[in-house]
Amino acid sequence: MTTKTARPAFGNTSSRISSSNQTTCYIIAYDIGNDKRRTKVHKILSGFGKWTQYSLFECFLSKKELVLLRAKLAKHLIAEFDSVRFYPLCSNCLERVETVGGALPAEDIVFIV
């Protein structure tokens, strides 16, 4: 079982996610009509970053991690129907990201006693 922690619903994105000098922040958005493929893509992305919107993740990735993530995703995508977009953010842009409005998507929280 995996233990997940709650995230703040509002605030500056850069305060919620830590980075290192060797990584780049990527906003990764996906549009996948098939439930099974969409669930698989969501699970893969969950291993690389934070789920922040229903079809959007924020991931700090090294070059190696980016290559690995793209390879894992490619195994489950059908180019004619699915789309995954990677938006790199520079550190100046990252500092200006803000969240306004509702709470982040709910994730299952598992407590192990």
Protein backbone atom coordinates (compact mmCIF):
# COMPACT_ATOMS: atom_id res chain seq x y z
CA MET A 1 0.00 0.00 0.00
CA THR A 2 1.06 3.55 -0.65
CA THR A 3 0.71 6.38 1.81
CA LYS A 4 -0.18 9.76 0.35
CA THR A 5 -0.12 13.09 2.09
CA ALA A 6 -2.55 15.94 1.73
CA ARG A 7 -1.48 19.05 -0.20
CA PRO A 8 -2.52 22.66 0.38
CA ALA A 9 -5.45 23.79 -1.78
CA PHE A 10 -4.23 27.33 -2.41
CA GLY A 11 -0.98 29.17 -2.74
CA ASN A 12 2.12 29.51 -4.81
CA THR A 13 3.04 26.35 -6.71
CA SER A 14 6.75 26.74 -6.05
CA SER A 15 6.12 26.58 -2.30
CA ARG A 16 4.36 23.22 -2.70
CA ILE A 17 7.01 21.53 -4.83
CA SER A 18 10.70 21.34 -4.14
CA SER A 19 13.26 21.31 -6.91
CA SER A 20 16.93 20.78 -7.36
CA ASN A 21 19.40 22.50 -9.67
CA GLN A 22 19.53 19.38 -11.88
CA THR A 23 15.80 19.19 -12.68
CA THR A 24 13.26 21.12 -14.72
CA CYS A 25 9.64 21.62 -13.76
CA TYR A 26 7.29 20.27 -16.40
CA ILE A 27 3.57 20.87 -16.52
CA ILE A 28 2.22 17.70 -18.12
CA ALA A 29 -1.31 17.72 -19.50
CA TYR A 30 -3.08 14.81 -21.11
CA ASP A 31 -6.22 14.25 -23.16
CA ILE A 32 -7.09 10.55 -23.40
CA GLY A 33 -10.62 9.40 -24.20
CA ASN A 34 -10.22 5.76 -23.24
CA ASP A 35 -10.74 5.15 -19.50
CA LYS A 36 -8.26 2.26 -19.26
CA ARG A 37 -5.43 4.14 -21.02
CA ARG A 38 -6.20 7.36 -19.12
CA THR A 39 -6.02 5.50 -15.78
CA LYS A 40 -2.71 3.91 -16.76
CA VAL A 41 -1.24 7.29 -17.80
CA HIS A 42 -2.45 8.83 -14.53
CA LYS A 43 -0.75 6.06 -12.53
CA ILE A 44 2.51 6.46 -14.45
CA LEU A 45 2.52 10.24 -13.95
CA SER A 46 1.73 9.79 -10.24
CA GLY A 47 5.12 8.11 -9.90
CA PHE A 48 6.88 11.17 -11.29
CA GLY A 49 5.09 14.21 -9.87
CA LYS A 50 2.12 15.89 -8.20
CA TRP A 51 -1.44 15.66 -9.52
CA THR A 52 -2.71 19.25 -9.54
CA GLN A 53 -5.71 19.27 -11.91
CA TYR A 54 -7.82 16.46 -13.30
CA SER A 55 -5.62 15.94 -16.37
CA LEU A 56 -2.54 17.85 -15.26
CA PHE A 57 0.62 17.04 -13.30
CA GLU A 58 3.57 19.12 -12.08
CA CYS A 59 6.79 17.11 -12.28
CA PHE A 60 10.40 18.01 -11.49
CA LEU A 61 12.41 15.80 -13.82
CA SER A 62 16.03 15.29 -14.68
CA LYS A 63 16.83 14.62 -18.35
CA LYS A 64 17.07 10.91 -17.57
CA GLU A 65 13.70 10.89 -15.78
CA LEU A 66 12.09 12.75 -18.70
CA VAL A 67 13.33 10.11 -21.16
CA LEU A 68 12.13 7.31 -18.85
CA LEU A 69 8.71 8.92 -18.41
CA ARG A 70 8.22 9.42 -22.15
CA ALA A 71 9.18 5.78 -22.80
CA LYS A 72 6.72 4.50 -20.18
CA LEU A 73 3.92 6.67 -21.56
CA ALA A 74 4.61 5.67 -25.17
CA LYS A 75 3.83 2.03 -24.32
CA HIS A 76 0.22 2.99 -23.47
CA LEU A 77 -0.66 5.76 -25.92
CA ILE A 78 -2.31 5.57 -29.32
CA ALA A 79 -1.08 8.55 -31.35
CA GLU A 80 -4.33 8.92 -33.34
CA PHE A 81 -6.45 9.28 -30.19
CA ASP A 82 -4.25 10.34 -27.25
CA SER A 83 -2.31 13.49 -26.47
CA VAL A 84 0.24 14.19 -23.73
CA ARG A 85 1.87 17.62 -23.66
CA PHE A 86 5.01 18.64 -21.74
CA TYR A 87 5.40 22.33 -20.84
CA PRO A 88 8.80 23.14 -19.30
CA LEU A 89 8.85 26.05 -16.85
CA CYS A 90 11.94 28.13 -16.21
CA SER A 91 12.70 29.08 -12.59
CA ASN A 92 11.46 32.66 -13.17
CA CYS A 93 8.13 31.38 -14.51
CA LEU A 94 7.81 28.86 -11.71
CA GLU A 95 8.13 31.59 -9.10
CA ARG A 96 5.13 33.40 -10.65
CA VAL A 97 2.74 30.42 -10.74
CA GLU A 98 -0.30 30.88 -8.51
CA THR A 99 -3.36 28.80 -7.71
CA VAL A 100 -6.66 30.62 -7.40
CA GLY A 101 -9.94 28.95 -6.57
CA GLY A 102 -11.11 25.50 -5.64
CA ALA A 103 -9.34 22.63 -4.04
CA LEU A 104 -6.96 20.29 -5.82
CA PRO A 105 -8.26 16.92 -7.03
CA ALA A 106 -8.87 14.45 -4.22
CA GLU A 107 -6.49 11.52 -3.98
CA ASP A 108 -7.11 8.35 -2.05
CA ILE A 109 -5.43 8.58 1.33
CA VAL A 110 -4.39 5.31 2.88
CA PHE A 111 -3.55 5.13 6.55
CA ILE A 112 -1.50 2.17 7.71
CA VAL A 113 -1.92 1.38 11.38
